[in-house]
C-alpha atoms as a PDB file:
ATOM      1  CA  UNK A   1     110.722  81.781 104.640  1.00  0.00           C
ATOM      2  CA  UNK A   2     107.977  84.414 104.681  1.00  0.00           C
ATOM      3  CA  UNK A   3     105.298  84.622 101.981  1.00  0.00           C
ATOM      4  CA  UNK A   4     106.898  87.866 100.763  1.00  0.00           C
ATOM      5  CA  UNK A   5     110.311  86.208 100.400  1.00  0.00           C
ATOM      6  CA  UNK A   6     108.756  83.200  98.674  1.00  0.00           C
ATOM      7  CA  UNK A   7     106.787  85.191  96.088  1.00  0.00           C
ATOM      8  CA  UNK A   8     109.452  87.834  95.524  1.00  0.00           C
ATOM      9  CA  UNK A   9     111.996  85.109  94.822  1.00  0.00           C
ATOM     10  CA  UNK A  10     109.807  83.594  92.088  1.00  0.00           C
ATOM     11  CA  UNK A  11     108.944  86.701  90.077  1.00  0.00           C
ATOM     12  CA  UNK A  12     110.806  89.335  88.057  1.00  0.00           C
ATOM     13  CA  UNK A  13     111.639  92.745  89.480  1.00  0.00           C
ATOM     14  CA  UNK A  14     109.095  94.254  87.066  1.00  0.00           C
ATOM     15  CA  UNK A  15     106.352  91.976  88.360  1.00  0.00           C
ATOM     16  CA  UNK A  16     107.242  92.678  91.966  1.00  0.00           C
ATOM     17  CA  UNK A  17     106.987  96.428  91.362  1.00  0.00           C
ATOM     18  CA  UNK A  18     103.606  95.900  89.683  1.00  0.00           C
ATOM     19  CA  UNK A  19     102.524  93.895  92.720  1.00  0.00           C
ATOM     20  CA  UNK A  20     103.598  96.663  95.097  1.00  0.00           C
ATOM     21  CA  UNK A  21     101.773  99.324  93.075  1.00  0.00           C
ATOM     22  CA  UNK A  22      98.585  97.270  92.770  1.00  0.00           C
ATOM     23  CA  UNK A  23      98.571  96.395  96.470  1.00  0.00           C
ATOM     24  CA  UNK A  24      98.998 100.093  97.230  1.00  0.00           C
ATOM     25  CA  UNK A  25      96.059 100.888  94.941  1.00  0.00           C
ATOM     26  CA  UNK A  26      93.850  98.416  96.799  1.00  0.00           C
ATOM     27  CA  UNK A  27      94.694 100.020 100.115  1.00  0.00           C
ATOM     28  CA  UNK A  28      94.180 103.508  98.701  1.00  0.00           C
ATOM     29  CA  UNK A  29      90.738 102.509  97.422  1.00  0.00           C
ATOM     30  CA  UNK A  30      89.930 101.411 100.984  1.00  0.00           C
ATOM     31  CA  UNK A  31      91.465 104.557 102.454  1.00  0.00           C
ATOM     32  CA  UNK A  32      89.275 106.770 100.264  1.00  0.00           C
ATOM     33  CA  UNK A  33      86.172 104.714 101.068  1.00  0.00           C
ATOM     34  CA  UNK A  34      85.461 103.378  97.573  1.00  0.00           C
ATOM     35  CA  UNK A  35      85.618  99.692  98.522  1.00  0.00           C
ATOM     36  CA  UNK A  36      82.626  97.370  98.855  1.00  0.00           C
ATOM     37  CA  UNK A  37      83.703  94.892 101.534  1.00  0.00           C
ATOM     38  CA  UNK A  38      85.597  92.160  99.623  1.00  0.00           C
ATOM     39  CA  UNK A  39      83.791  92.714  96.324  1.00  0.00           C
ATOM     40  CA  UNK A  40      84.991  94.340  93.063  1.00  0.00           C
ATOM     41  CA  UNK A  41      88.499  94.054  91.720  1.00  0.00           C
ATOM     42  CA  UNK A  42      91.592  95.933  90.594  1.00  0.00           C
ATOM     43  CA  UNK A  43      93.742  94.008  88.136  1.00  0.00           C
ATOM     44  CA  UNK A  44      97.113  94.618  86.501  1.00  0.00           C
ATOM     45  CA  UNK A  45      98.960  92.970  83.652  1.00  0.00           C
ATOM     46  CA  UNK A  46     102.238  91.226  84.431  1.00  0.00           C
ATOM     47  CA  UNK A  47     105.153  92.266  82.214  1.00  0.00           C
ATOM     48  CA  UNK A  48     106.055  89.567  79.691  1.00  0.00           C
ATOM     49  CA  UNK A  49     104.770  87.732  76.600  1.00  0.00           C
ATOM     50  CA  UNK A  50     102.240  85.673  78.546  1.00  0.00           C
ATOM     51  CA  UNK A  51      98.781  87.003  79.252  1.00  0.00           C
ATOM     52  CA  UNK A  52      99.110  86.895  83.032  1.00  0.00           C
ATOM     53  CA  UNK A  53      97.451  89.226  85.480  1.00  0.00           C
ATOM     54  CA  UNK A  54      97.356  90.073  89.175  1.00  0.00           C
ATOM     55  CA  UNK A  55      94.085  90.055  91.104  1.00  0.00           C
ATOM     56  CA  UNK A  56      93.028  90.205  94.738  1.00  0.00           C
ATOM     57  CA  UNK A  57      92.645  87.095  96.890  1.00  0.00           C
ATOM     58  CA  UNK A  58      88.898  86.645  97.291  1.00  0.00           C
ATOM     59  CA  UNK A  59      87.690  87.303 100.831  1.00  0.00           C
ATOM     60  CA  UNK A  60      90.538  89.617 101.835  1.00  0.00           C
ATOM     61  CA  UNK A  61      89.622  93.193 102.690  1.00  0.00           C
ATOM     62  CA  UNK A  62      91.216  95.782 100.428  1.00  0.00           C
ATOM     63  CA  UNK A  63      92.991  97.372 103.377  1.00  0.00           C
ATOM     64  CA  UNK A  64      94.732  94.030 104.077  1.00  0.00           C
ATOM     65  CA  UNK A  65      96.104  93.250 100.623  1.00  0.00           C
ATOM     66  CA  UNK A  66      99.857  92.974 100.148  1.00  0.00           C
ATOM     67  CA  UNK A  67     102.137  92.569  97.153  1.00  0.00           C
ATOM     68  CA  UNK A  68     102.751  88.909  97.960  1.00  0.00           C
ATOM     69  CA  UNK A  69      99.090  88.052  98.576  1.00  0.00           C
ATOM     70  CA  UNK A  70      98.010  89.072  95.069  1.00  0.00           C
ATOM     71  CA  UNK A  71      97.196  86.069  92.904  1.00  0.00           C
ATOM     72  CA  UNK A  72      98.683  85.648  89.409  1.00  0.00           C
ATOM     73  CA  UNK A  73      96.173  84.241  86.926  1.00  0.00           C
ATOM     74  CA  UNK A  74      95.793  83.529  83.216  1.00  0.00           C
ATOM     75  CA  UNK A  75      93.052  85.038  81.060  1.00  0.00           C
ATOM     76  CA  UNK A  76      90.676  82.250  82.062  1.00  0.00           C
ATOM     77  CA  UNK A  77      91.189  83.003  85.764  1.00  0.00           C
ATOM     78  CA  UNK A  78      93.271  79.912  86.559  1.00  0.00           C
ATOM     79  CA  UNK A  79      96.253  80.382  88.868  1.00  0.00           C
ATOM     80  CA  UNK A  80      99.674  80.289  87.212  1.00  0.00           C
ATOM     81  CA  UNK A  81     101.734  80.785  90.379  1.00  0.00           C
ATOM     82  CA  UNK A  82     101.160  78.691  93.464  1.00  0.00           C
ATOM     83  CA  UNK A  83      99.202  80.626  96.054  1.00  0.00           C
ATOM     84  CA  UNK A  84      97.286  79.694  99.212  1.00  0.00           C
ATOM     85  CA  UNK A  85      94.616  82.197  98.171  1.00  0.00           C
ATOM     86  CA  UNK A  86      91.633  81.715  95.901  1.00  0.00           C
ATOM     87  CA  UNK A  87      90.051  84.214  93.529  1.00  0.00           C
ATOM     88  CA  UNK A  88      86.515  84.844  92.399  1.00  0.00           C
ATOM     89  CA  UNK A  89      86.542  83.700  88.736  1.00  0.00           C
ATOM     90  CA  UNK A  90      83.263  85.493  88.078  1.00  0.00           C
ATOM     91  CA  UNK A  91      84.859  88.731  89.220  1.00  0.00           C
ATOM     92  CA  UNK A  92      87.451  88.439  86.474  1.00  0.00           C
ATOM     93  CA  UNK A  93      84.827  88.344  83.695  1.00  0.00           C
ATOM     94  CA  UNK A  94      84.838  92.080  83.046  1.00  0.00           C
ATOM     95  CA  UNK A  95      88.554  92.530  83.601  1.00  0.00           C
ATOM     96  CA  UNK A  96      89.730  89.642  81.437  1.00  0.00           C
ATOM     97  CA  UNK A  97      87.938  90.766  78.291  1.00  0.00           C
ATOM     98  CA  UNK A  98      89.208  94.332  78.627  1.00  0.00           C
ATOM     99  CA  UNK A  99      92.791  93.211  79.230  1.00  0.00           C
ATOM    100  CA  UNK A 100      92.548  90.886  76.223  1.00  0.00           C
ATOM    101  CA  UNK A 101      91.117  93.532  73.900  1.00  0.00           C
ATOM    102  CA  UNK A 102      93.224  96.533  74.922  1.00  0.00           C
ATOM    103  CA  UNK A 103      97.026  96.321  74.853  1.00  0.00           C
ATOM    104  CA  UNK A 104      97.181  99.607  76.782  1.00  0.00           C
ATOM    105  CA  UNK A 105      94.902  98.216  79.503  1.00  0.00           C
ATOM    106  CA  UNK A 106      97.761  97.491  81.882  1.00  0.00           C
ATOM    107  CA  UNK A 107      95.513  98.200  84.847  1.00  0.00           C
ATOM    108  CA  UNK A 108      91.728  97.940  85.155  1.00  0.00           C
ATOM    109  CA  UNK A 109      89.951  99.239  88.261  1.00  0.00           C
ATOM    110  CA  UNK A 110      86.303  98.611  89.090  1.00  0.00           C
ATOM    111  CA  UNK A 111      84.387 100.008  92.070  1.00  0.00           C
ATOM    112  CA  UNK A 112      80.870  99.929  93.489  1.00  0.00           C
ATOM    113  CA  UNK A 113      81.156 103.291  95.253  1.00  0.00           C
ATOM    114  CA  UNK A 114      77.854 104.779  96.412  1.00  0.00           C
ATOM    115  CA  UNK A 115      78.314 107.958  94.404  1.00  0.00           C
ATOM    116  CA  UNK A 116      79.348 106.052  91.307  1.00  0.00           C
ATOM    117  CA  UNK A 117      76.383 103.680  91.431  1.00  0.00           C
ATOM    118  CA  UNK A 118      74.037 106.610  92.102  1.00  0.00           C
ATOM    119  CA  UNK A 119      75.134 108.473  88.966  1.00  0.00           C
ATOM    120  CA  UNK A 120      75.189 105.265  86.921  1.00  0.00           C
ATOM    121  CA  UNK A 121      71.451 105.006  87.663  1.00  0.00           C
ATOM    122  CA  UNK A 122      70.738 108.532  86.410  1.00  0.00           C
ATOM    123  CA  UNK A 123      69.466 108.575  82.836  1.00  0.00           C
ATOM    124  CA  UNK A 124      71.607 111.554  81.774  1.00  0.00           C
ATOM    125  CA  UNK A 125      74.786 109.976  83.120  1.00  0.00           C
ATOM    126  CA  UNK A 126      77.713 112.289  83.825  1.00  0.00           C
ATOM    127  CA  UNK A 127      76.820 115.965  83.530  1.00  0.00           C
ATOM    128  CA  UNK A 128      79.350 118.665  82.507  1.00  0.00           C
ATOM    129  CA  UNK A 129      78.989 120.637  85.721  1.00  0.00           C
ATOM    130  CA  UNK A 130      82.462 120.473  87.275  1.00  0.00           C
ATOM    131  CA  UNK A 131      86.068 120.728  86.199  1.00  0.00           C
ATOM    132  CA  UNK A 132      86.532 117.108  87.231  1.00  0.00           C
ATOM    133  CA  UNK A 133      83.671 116.012  84.979  1.00  0.00           C
ATOM    134  CA  UNK A 134      85.405 117.414  81.903  1.00  0.00           C
ATOM    135  CA  UNK A 135      88.319 114.983  82.235  1.00  0.00           C
ATOM    136  CA  UNK A 136      85.836 112.124  82.543  1.00  0.00           C
ATOM    137  CA  UNK A 137      83.626 113.250  79.668  1.00  0.00           C
ATOM    138  CA  UNK A 138      86.621 113.533  77.351  1.00  0.00           C
ATOM    139  CA  UNK A 139      86.997 109.727  77.415  1.00  0.00           C
ATOM    140  CA  UNK A 140      83.742 108.224  78.711  1.00  0.00           C
ATOM    141  CA  UNK A 141      81.725 105.186  77.598  1.00  0.00           C
ATOM    142  CA  UNK A 142      78.607 103.492  78.991  1.00  0.00           C
ATOM    143  CA  UNK A 143      77.418  99.886  79.231  1.00  0.00           C
ATOM    144  CA  UNK A 144      73.829  98.942  80.035  1.00  0.00           C
ATOM    145  CA  UNK A 145      73.204  96.608  82.949  1.00  0.00           C
ATOM    146  CA  UNK A 146      72.786  92.937  82.043  1.00  0.00           C
ATOM    147  CA  UNK A 147      72.730  91.492  85.543  1.00  0.00           C
ATOM    148  CA  UNK A 148      75.670  90.229  87.597  1.00  0.00           C
ATOM    149  CA  UNK A 149      78.598  89.930  85.174  1.00  0.00           C
ATOM    150  CA  UNK A 150      78.893  86.158  85.006  1.00  0.00           C
ATOM    151  CA  UNK A 151      78.126  85.332  81.372  1.00  0.00           C
ATOM    152  CA  UNK A 152      80.768  84.880  78.694  1.00  0.00           C
ATOM    153  CA  UNK A 153      78.446  86.250  76.010  1.00  0.00           C
ATOM    154  CA  UNK A 154      78.479  89.691  77.655  1.00  0.00           C
ATOM    155  CA  UNK A 155      82.214  90.109  77.053  1.00  0.00           C
ATOM    156  CA  UNK A 156      82.000  91.248  73.383  1.00  0.00           C
ATOM    157  CA  UNK A 157      79.415  93.875  74.300  1.00  0.00           C
ATOM    158  CA  UNK A 158      81.572  95.159  77.150  1.00  0.00           C
ATOM    159  CA  UNK A 159      84.567  95.463  74.838  1.00  0.00           C
ATOM    160  CA  UNK A 160      82.538  97.090  72.076  1.00  0.00           C
ATOM    161  CA  UNK A 161      80.937  99.628  74.425  1.00  0.00           C
ATOM    162  CA  UNK A 162      84.251 100.554  76.044  1.00  0.00           C
ATOM    163  CA  UNK A 163      86.078 101.044  72.744  1.00  0.00           C
ATOM    164  CA  UNK A 164      89.192 103.140  73.284  1.00  0.00           C
ATOM    165  CA  UNK A 165      87.866 105.073  76.298  1.00  0.00           C
ATOM    166  CA  UNK A 166      89.486 105.228  79.741  1.00  0.00           C
ATOM    167  CA  UNK A 167      86.355 105.888  81.825  1.00  0.00           C
ATOM    168  CA  UNK A 168      83.556 103.298  81.714  1.00  0.00           C
ATOM    169  CA  UNK A 169      80.233 103.719  83.502  1.00  0.00           C
ATOM    170  CA  UNK A 170      78.476 100.402  84.071  1.00  0.00           C
ATOM    171  CA  UNK A 171      74.811 101.356  84.334  1.00  0.00           C
ATOM    172  CA  UNK A 172      73.181 100.507  87.689  1.00  0.00           C
ATOM    173  CA  UNK A 173      76.475  98.888  88.700  1.00  0.00           C
ATOM    174  CA  UNK A 174      79.479 101.155  89.186  1.00  0.00           C
ATOM    175  CA  UNK A 175      82.616 102.705  87.740  1.00  0.00           C
ATOM    176  CA  UNK A 176      85.564 101.306  85.814  1.00  0.00           C
ATOM    177  CA  UNK A 177      88.803 102.882  84.634  1.00  0.00           C
ATOM    178  CA  UNK A 178      91.536 101.690  82.301  1.00  0.00           C
ATOM    179  CA  UNK A 179      95.118 102.900  82.554  1.00  0.00           C
ATOM    180  CA  UNK A 180      98.524 102.307  81.011  1.00  0.00           C
ATOM    181  CA  UNK A 181      99.838 102.154  84.587  1.00  0.00           C
ATOM    182  CA  UNK A 182      98.369 101.525  88.029  1.00  0.00           C
ATOM    183  CA  UNK A 183      98.975 105.197  88.807  1.00  0.00           C
ATOM    184  CA  UNK A 184      97.018 106.330  85.734  1.00  0.00           C
ATOM    185  CA  UNK A 185      94.058 104.037  86.456  1.00  0.00           C
ATOM    186  CA  UNK A 186      93.967 105.277  90.062  1.00  0.00           C
ATOM    187  CA  UNK A 187      94.031 108.948  89.046  1.00  0.00           C
ATOM    188  CA  UNK A 188      91.219 108.276  86.579  1.00  0.00           C
ATOM    189  CA  UNK A 189      89.183 106.611  89.332  1.00  0.00           C
ATOM    190  CA  UNK A 190      89.836 109.530  91.674  1.00  0.00           C
ATOM    191  CA  UNK A 191      88.500 111.939  89.047  1.00  0.00           C
ATOM    192  CA  UNK A 192      85.556 109.655  88.237  1.00  0.00           C
ATOM    193  CA  UNK A 193      84.541 109.316  91.869  1.00  0.00           C
ATOM    194  CA  UNK A 194      84.965 113.052  92.521  1.00  0.00           C
ATOM    195  CA  UNK A 195      82.820 113.810  89.470  1.00  0.00           C
ATOM    196  CA  UNK A 196      80.030 111.564  90.746  1.00  0.00           C
ATOM    197  CA  UNK A 197      80.213 112.897  94.292  1.00  0.00           C
ATOM    198  CA  UNK A 198      79.975 116.491  93.070  1.00  0.00           C
ATOM    199  CA  UNK A 199      77.042 115.619  90.803  1.00  0.00           C
ATOM    200  CA  UNK A 200      75.105 113.858  93.565  1.00  0.00           C
ATOM    201  CA  UNK A 201      75.592 116.848  95.873  1.00  0.00           C
ATOM    202  CA  UNK A 202      74.757 119.395  93.173  1.00  0.00           C
ATOM    203  CA  UNK A 203      71.515 117.618  92.280  1.00  0.00           C
ATOM    204  CA  UNK A 204      70.619 117.334  95.957  1.00  0.00           C
ATOM    205  CA  UNK A 205      70.737 121.132  96.170  1.00  0.00           C
ATOM    206  CA  UNK A 206      67.568 121.288  94.059  1.00  0.00           C
ATOM    207  CA  UNK A 207      68.718 124.367  92.151  1.00  0.00           C
ATOM    208  CA  UNK A 208      69.276 125.089  88.473  1.00  0.00           C
ATOM    209  CA  UNK A 209      72.700 123.771  87.426  1.00  0.00           C
ATOM    210  CA  UNK A 210      75.211 125.613  85.245  1.00  0.00           C
ATOM    211  CA  UNK A 211      76.739 123.468  82.480  1.00  0.00           C
ATOM    212  CA  UNK A 212      80.254 124.023  81.141  1.00  0.00           C
ATOM    213  CA  UNK A 213      80.422 125.072  77.495  1.00  0.00           C
ATOM    214  CA  UNK A 214      81.423 122.445  74.918  1.00  0.00           C
ATOM    215  CA  UNK A 215      84.445 124.397  73.546  1.00  0.00           C
ATOM    216  CA  UNK A 216      86.030 124.115  76.995  1.00  0.00           C
ATOM    217  CA  UNK A 217      85.433 120.358  77.006  1.00  0.00           C
ATOM    218  CA  UNK A 218      87.017 120.068  73.574  1.00  0.00           C
ATOM    219  CA  UNK A 219      90.292 121.471  74.887  1.00  0.00           C
ATOM    220  CA  UNK A 220      90.479 119.463  78.100  1.00  0.00           C
ATOM    221  CA  UNK A 221      92.923 116.781  76.918  1.00  0.00           C
ATOM    222  CA  UNK A 222      95.599 119.378  76.159  1.00  0.00           C
ATOM    223  CA  UNK A 223      94.943 120.997  79.519  1.00  0.00           C
ATOM    224  CA  UNK A 224      95.296 117.626  81.260  1.00  0.00           C
ATOM    225  CA  UNK A 225      98.772 117.178  79.791  1.00  0.00           C
ATOM    226  CA  UNK A 226      99.801 120.560  81.177  1.00  0.00           C
ATOM    227  CA  UNK A 227      98.287 119.951  84.612  1.00  0.00           C
ATOM    228  CA  UNK A 228     100.051 116.599  85.073  1.00  0.00           C
ATOM    229  CA  UNK A 229     103.236 117.752  83.289  1.00  0.00           C
ATOM    230  CA  UNK A 230     102.803 114.847  80.908  1.00  0.00           C
ATOM    231  CA  UNK A 231     103.216 112.336  83.760  1.00  0.00           C
ATOM    232  CA  UNK A 232      99.551 111.403  84.093  1.00  0.00           C
ATOM    233  CA  UNK A 233      98.849 109.636  87.368  1.00  0.00           C
ATOM    234  CA  UNK A 234     102.590 109.358  87.953  1.00  0.00           C
ATOM    235  CA  UNK A 235     102.656 112.957  89.146  1.00  0.00           C
ATOM    236  CA  UNK A 236     100.461 112.252  92.187  1.00  0.00           C
ATOM    237  CA  UNK A 237     101.499 108.628  92.771  1.00  0.00           C
ATOM    238  CA  UNK A 238     104.631 109.229  94.922  1.00  0.00           C
ATOM    239  CA  UNK A 239     102.625 111.502  97.208  1.00  0.00           C
ATOM    240  CA  UNK A 240      99.839 108.936  97.430  1.00  0.00           C
ATOM    241  CA  UNK A 241     102.350 106.280  98.477  1.00  0.00           C
ATOM    242  CA  UNK A 242     103.728 108.597 101.168  1.00  0.00           C
ATOM    243  CA  UNK A 243     100.169 109.157 102.391  1.00  0.00           C
ATOM    244  CA  UNK A 244      99.620 105.404 102.480  1.00  0.00           C
ATOM    245  CA  UNK A 245     102.910 104.827 104.321  1.00  0.00           C
ATOM    246  CA  UNK A 246     101.593 107.083 107.062  1.00  0.00           C
ATOM    247  CA  UNK A 247      98.047 105.696 107.169  1.00  0.00           C
ATOM    248  CA  UNK A 248      98.374 101.986 106.370  1.00  0.00           C
ATOM    249  CA  UNK A 249     101.923 100.743 105.759  1.00  0.00           C
ATOM    250  CA  UNK A 250     102.769  97.156 104.864  1.00  0.00           C
ATOM    251  CA  UNK A 251     101.372  96.940 101.334  1.00  0.00           C
ATOM    252  CA  UNK A 252     104.841  96.106  99.966  1.00  0.00           C
ATOM    253  CA  UNK A 253     105.078  92.932 102.074  1.00  0.00           C
END
């Protein structure tokens, strides 16, 4: 029996679909160049009354992750389904407190992308200088750097700083998004990363920047609903999976 057959036979159809989507997200993060070797994490809640979550096997490259290799853990990071893979418990510190505090945090994505870390180190944070930045600014929170996220006492401050926002800039550290689905969290990260890349390039031009007027920002949420036809990240997700099937198939194994 293959690992795929073994895991698939032990989980619900809803969990298996969540596994496939999360594995796809890992590979897409690698495909777009946002990964940081084996570090950072994308996590997703498993459907059901238990507080169980899926996380990457520590040491596996993002481009290698499959649905069956994802590890199911409890809120304290302990495995709840037998797996030959280990996880990095410290890496679950940020994710666990957000999942616990936010019922709509079905998926939490965290990256150390170069553009994201660069903007996180800029005092002004995200600037309203691109269309992409408006979507981010409409739901953005910040958290000051407290060192490598290993301490339990940082969790309440992370939760308090995030509040009900979907975009979270961890100062001097990286980017984090929260979504009701894997597709939503990925779209948010795409917008976040694009915003930071544009800002880094615009500032490198050493010219006066043009800011977007606040009334336009105030209406961006309604515009977002129209652009995505109310589907959020689900509008782009099927196309992203087709792209991944061409570039790096096998995530559903």
